[in-house]
Amino acid sequence: MNTAGKDLIADDRTRGGTRERWSVQTGLRGDAGVRARRAELHIPVGLTLESWRHIGRNLRMITDSSGWWLGDWLVYGENRFPDRYRFVIEETALDYQTLRNYAWVARKFPACRRRDSLSLQHHAEIAALSESEQDRWLERAERGKWSTRRLRKEIRQVREEAKGTARPWEGRSPARVVMNLDAGRKDRWDQAAEAAQMPLLDWIAMVLDEAALPAE
C-alpha cells in the first residue's frame, strides 16, 4: 500500500471533552510546514527550536507506540477475521514471527495495564510472569526509569540470587523433569521465550524461579 503524500493516522486524542483525530501530520506541526510522508520528513528552513523539539517528542511517541499499535491490530484481526488473518499478514510483507510477538504481548497486557512511560519491549521482558509479578517489575522499572537492558539485568540478578539461596539442594544430583506439551502450549512458550530473547529452557527456568520467590 503506497501511503506517499497522505497523512498517517497515529492516534485519537480527547481535547475539550470531544474526541478528535490526531495524525502524524498534525502531531508533527503541520502548520509549521512540516510534511510527513512514507519515505520523507520534510522540514522547512527557519523552523523554531521549540517546533523542532516538539517534532522530536512526537517522533519518539510514534516509535514507542508502533509496536503496541501493530499488536492491537493483529489481535483484532485474529478475533474478527480468523479465516483471512494469515493471508492479510502475508500481504503486508511484515515479518510474521515479529508480529506474533507483538500480538502476544498485546494480549498479555490490556491497555489499562500498560505503562505509557515504558516501551513494549519492557512489557515483553516480563510478559510470561504472573500479573502480580508483571505489575511489580513494571512499577520498579517505571519508578527507577530503567532501560530494557536494566530491567533484564535486574530480573536475571534476582533469578541468580534465588539459585544461590537454594542451599537445601546443594550437593544433590540434578533432577530431570519431563513435560508433555500440546502443540498450542509449546507454540505459546516458544513465542514467550523469543520475545524475552532467551532460549526456551532458560526462559522456563526463569519463570519457575520467579514463581518460587518469596513474596515481598
Protein backbone atom coordinates (compact mmCIF):
# COMPACT_ATOMS: atom_id res chain seq x y z
CA MET A 1 0.00 0.00 0.00
CA ASN A 2 1.50 3.30 -1.07
CA THR A 3 0.97 5.99 1.57
CA ALA A 4 3.22 8.63 0.00
CA GLY A 5 1.60 12.03 0.07
CA LYS A 6 -1.02 11.03 2.63
CA ASP A 7 -1.30 11.79 6.32
CA LEU A 8 -0.52 8.78 8.51
CA ILE A 9 -3.12 8.45 11.25
CA ALA A 10 -1.46 7.74 14.58
CA ASP A 11 -3.86 8.15 17.47
CA ASP A 12 -7.04 9.72 18.85
CA ARG A 13 -6.86 12.43 21.48
CA THR A 14 -9.54 13.90 23.71
CA ARG A 15 -9.45 17.69 23.89
CA GLY A 16 -12.03 19.91 25.50
CA GLY A 17 -14.34 16.97 26.12
CA THR A 18 -14.52 15.97 22.44
CA ARG A 19 -12.73 13.17 20.65
CA GLU A 20 -10.65 14.37 17.74
CA ARG A 21 -8.35 12.73 15.28
CA TRP A 22 -4.62 13.10 15.82
CA SER A 23 -2.37 12.29 12.88
CA VAL A 24 1.34 12.16 12.31
CA GLN A 25 0.87 15.22 10.13
CA THR A 26 -0.79 17.39 12.79
CA GLY A 27 1.37 15.95 15.56
CA LEU A 28 4.49 16.98 13.65
CA ARG A 29 3.40 20.60 13.44
CA GLY A 30 1.82 20.61 10.01
CA ASP A 31 1.06 24.30 10.46
CA ALA A 32 4.82 24.94 10.53
CA GLY A 33 5.24 23.49 7.05
CA VAL A 34 6.41 20.05 8.19
CA ARG A 35 5.26 17.24 5.91
CA ALA A 36 5.41 13.57 6.89
CA ARG A 37 5.41 11.09 4.02
CA ARG A 38 6.28 7.42 3.77
CA ALA A 39 9.95 7.96 2.96
CA GLU A 40 10.47 11.59 3.92
CA LEU A 41 10.09 14.04 6.76
CA HIS A 42 10.20 17.43 5.07
CA ILE A 43 11.28 20.16 7.50
CA PRO A 44 11.18 23.74 6.18
CA VAL A 45 14.01 26.20 6.58
CA GLY A 46 13.67 28.52 9.56
CA LEU A 47 11.86 26.13 11.92
CA THR A 48 11.99 27.35 15.53
CA LEU A 49 13.82 25.39 18.22
CA GLU A 50 10.56 24.73 20.08
CA SER A 51 8.89 23.35 16.93
CA TRP A 52 11.89 21.15 16.23
CA ARG A 53 11.83 19.80 19.82
CA HIS A 54 8.08 19.20 19.52
CA ILE A 55 8.65 17.12 16.39
CA GLY A 56 11.28 15.03 18.18
CA ARG A 57 8.95 14.29 21.08
CA ASN A 58 6.22 13.16 18.72
CA LEU A 59 8.58 11.02 16.68
CA ARG A 60 9.58 9.25 19.88
CA MET A 61 5.92 8.72 20.77
CA ILE A 62 5.24 7.24 17.33
CA THR A 63 8.24 4.93 17.56
CA ASP A 64 7.36 3.76 21.08
CA SER A 65 3.72 3.22 20.19
CA SER A 66 4.07 1.43 16.85
CA GLY A 67 4.65 -1.99 18.44
CA TRP A 68 1.51 -1.68 20.54
CA TRP A 69 -0.49 -0.50 17.54
CA LEU A 70 0.65 -3.47 15.48
CA GLY A 71 -0.11 -5.84 18.36
CA ASP A 72 -3.61 -4.48 18.86
CA TRP A 73 -4.21 -4.53 15.09
CA LEU A 74 -3.19 -8.19 14.94
CA VAL A 75 -5.31 -9.22 17.93
CA TYR A 76 -8.33 -7.55 16.33
CA GLY A 77 -7.67 -9.33 13.04
CA GLU A 78 -7.30 -12.71 14.72
CA ASN A 79 -10.61 -12.26 16.51
CA ARG A 80 -12.57 -10.57 13.71
CA PHE A 81 -11.20 -12.23 10.58
CA PRO A 82 -9.75 -15.60 11.65
CA ASP A 83 -10.23 -17.16 8.21
CA ARG A 84 -8.34 -14.40 6.37
CA TYR A 85 -5.90 -13.29 9.05
CA ARG A 86 -2.82 -15.17 7.80
CA PHE A 87 -3.44 -14.08 4.21
CA VAL A 88 -3.61 -10.41 5.17
CA ILE A 89 -0.44 -10.69 7.28
CA GLU A 90 1.41 -12.13 4.30
CA GLU A 91 0.06 -9.29 2.18
CA THR A 92 1.66 -6.70 4.46
CA ALA A 93 5.13 -8.23 3.90
CA LEU A 94 5.89 -7.76 7.62
CA ASP A 95 7.87 -10.39 9.50
CA TYR A 96 5.30 -12.89 10.76
CA GLN A 97 7.19 -14.03 13.86
CA THR A 98 7.85 -10.44 14.96
CA LEU A 99 4.17 -9.61 14.55
CA ARG A 100 3.17 -12.69 16.54
CA ASN A 101 5.40 -11.50 19.37
CA TYR A 102 3.74 -8.06 19.29
CA ALA A 103 0.31 -9.69 19.40
CA TRP A 104 1.33 -11.99 22.25
CA VAL A 105 2.49 -9.05 24.39
CA ALA A 106 -0.62 -7.03 23.49
CA ARG A 107 -2.83 -9.89 24.72
CA LYS A 108 -0.84 -10.20 27.93
CA PHE A 109 -1.29 -6.51 28.71
CA PRO A 110 -4.72 -4.96 28.14
CA ALA A 111 -4.50 -1.23 27.53
CA CYS A 112 -5.47 -0.47 31.14
CA ARG A 113 -2.36 -2.29 32.42
CA ARG A 114 0.21 -0.81 30.05
CA ARG A 115 2.67 1.77 31.32
CA ASP A 116 2.96 4.73 28.95
CA SER A 117 6.41 5.57 30.24
CA LEU A 118 7.72 2.09 29.37
CA SER A 119 8.15 0.54 25.94
CA LEU A 120 6.56 -2.60 24.57
CA GLN A 121 9.98 -4.23 24.98
CA HIS A 122 9.83 -3.57 28.75
CA HIS A 123 6.49 -5.33 28.88
CA ALA A 124 7.77 -8.20 26.72
CA GLU A 125 10.57 -8.88 29.22
CA ILE A 126 8.07 -9.83 31.93
CA ALA A 127 5.04 -10.90 29.86
CA ALA A 128 5.46 -14.56 30.81
CA LEU A 129 5.16 -13.84 34.54
CA SER A 130 2.01 -13.70 36.65
CA GLU A 131 0.07 -10.43 36.66
CA SER A 132 1.23 -9.58 40.17
CA GLU A 133 4.86 -10.14 39.19
CA GLN A 134 4.37 -8.16 35.99
CA ASP A 135 2.99 -5.22 37.92
CA ARG A 136 5.79 -5.41 40.47
CA TRP A 137 8.51 -5.30 37.84
CA LEU A 138 6.77 -2.62 35.80
CA GLU A 139 6.44 -0.48 38.91
CA ARG A 140 10.14 -0.84 39.69
CA ALA A 141 11.16 -0.14 36.10
CA GLU A 142 8.90 2.90 35.88
CA ARG A 143 9.98 4.31 39.23
CA GLY A 144 13.67 3.77 38.50
CA LYS A 145 13.39 4.84 34.85
CA TRP A 146 15.10 1.61 33.83
CA SER A 147 16.06 0.80 30.28
CA THR A 148 15.01 -2.57 28.87
CA ARG A 149 18.56 -3.79 29.40
CA ARG A 150 18.49 -2.69 33.04
CA LEU A 151 15.16 -4.46 33.61
CA ARG A 152 16.54 -7.66 32.07
CA LYS A 153 19.65 -7.39 34.24
CA GLU A 154 17.62 -6.92 37.43
CA ILE A 155 15.44 -9.92 36.64
CA ARG A 156 18.48 -12.06 35.91
CA GLN A 157 20.10 -10.94 39.16
CA VAL A 158 17.06 -11.90 41.21
CA ARG A 159 16.98 -15.26 39.50
CA GLU A 160 20.66 -15.87 40.22
CA GLU A 161 20.21 -14.86 43.87
CA ALA A 162 17.30 -17.28 44.15
CA LYS A 163 19.51 -20.05 42.85
CA GLY A 164 22.24 -19.10 45.32
CA THR A 165 19.90 -19.30 48.32
CA ALA A 166 18.60 -22.75 47.39
CA ARG A 167 21.06 -24.39 49.77
CA PRO A 168 18.97 -27.47 50.64
CA TRP A 169 19.61 -28.64 47.08
CA GLU A 170 23.37 -28.16 47.14
CA GLY A 171 25.39 -31.33 46.56
CA ARG A 172 22.42 -33.23 45.19
CA SER A 173 22.29 -34.73 41.75
CA PRO A 174 20.34 -32.66 39.18
CA ALA A 175 16.73 -33.69 38.86
CA ARG A 176 15.30 -34.44 35.45
CA VAL A 177 11.88 -33.01 34.64
CA VAL A 178 9.90 -34.32 31.68
CA MET A 179 6.86 -32.45 30.39
CA ASN A 180 4.42 -33.43 27.70
CA LEU A 181 3.04 -30.32 25.98
CA ASP A 182 0.31 -29.95 23.43
CA ALA A 183 1.31 -28.11 20.24
CA GLY A 184 -0.56 -24.94 21.17
CA ARG A 185 1.11 -24.55 24.54
CA LYS A 186 4.57 -25.29 23.09
CA ASP A 187 3.98 -22.63 20.44
CA ARG A 188 2.97 -20.04 23.06
CA TRP A 189 6.02 -20.84 25.17
CA ASP A 190 8.29 -20.53 22.14
CA GLN A 191 6.80 -17.11 21.43
CA ALA A 192 7.31 -16.01 25.02
CA ALA A 193 10.94 -17.16 25.04
CA GLU A 194 11.63 -15.41 21.75
CA ALA A 195 10.01 -12.19 23.00
CA ALA A 196 12.29 -12.35 26.05
CA GLN A 197 15.25 -13.09 23.76
CA MET A 198 16.09 -16.26 25.68
CA PRO A 199 16.45 -19.96 24.83
CA LEU A 200 13.27 -21.84 25.68
CA LEU A 201 14.79 -23.86 28.55
CA ASP A 202 16.34 -20.74 30.11
CA TRP A 203 13.01 -18.97 29.84
CA ILE A 204 11.20 -21.88 31.53
CA ALA A 205 13.78 -21.84 34.35
CA MET A 206 13.36 -18.07 34.76
CA VAL A 207 9.57 -18.32 35.04
CA LEU A 208 9.77 -21.14 37.58
CA ASP A 209 12.42 -19.31 39.63
CA GLU A 210 10.29 -16.16 39.65
CA ALA A 211 7.24 -18.11 40.76
CA ALA A 212 9.23 -19.72 43.57
CA LEU A 213 10.48 -16.43 45.00
CA PRO A 214 9.01 -15.46 48.39
CA ALA A 215 6.51 -12.61 48.27
CA GLU A 216 7.93 -9.21 49.24
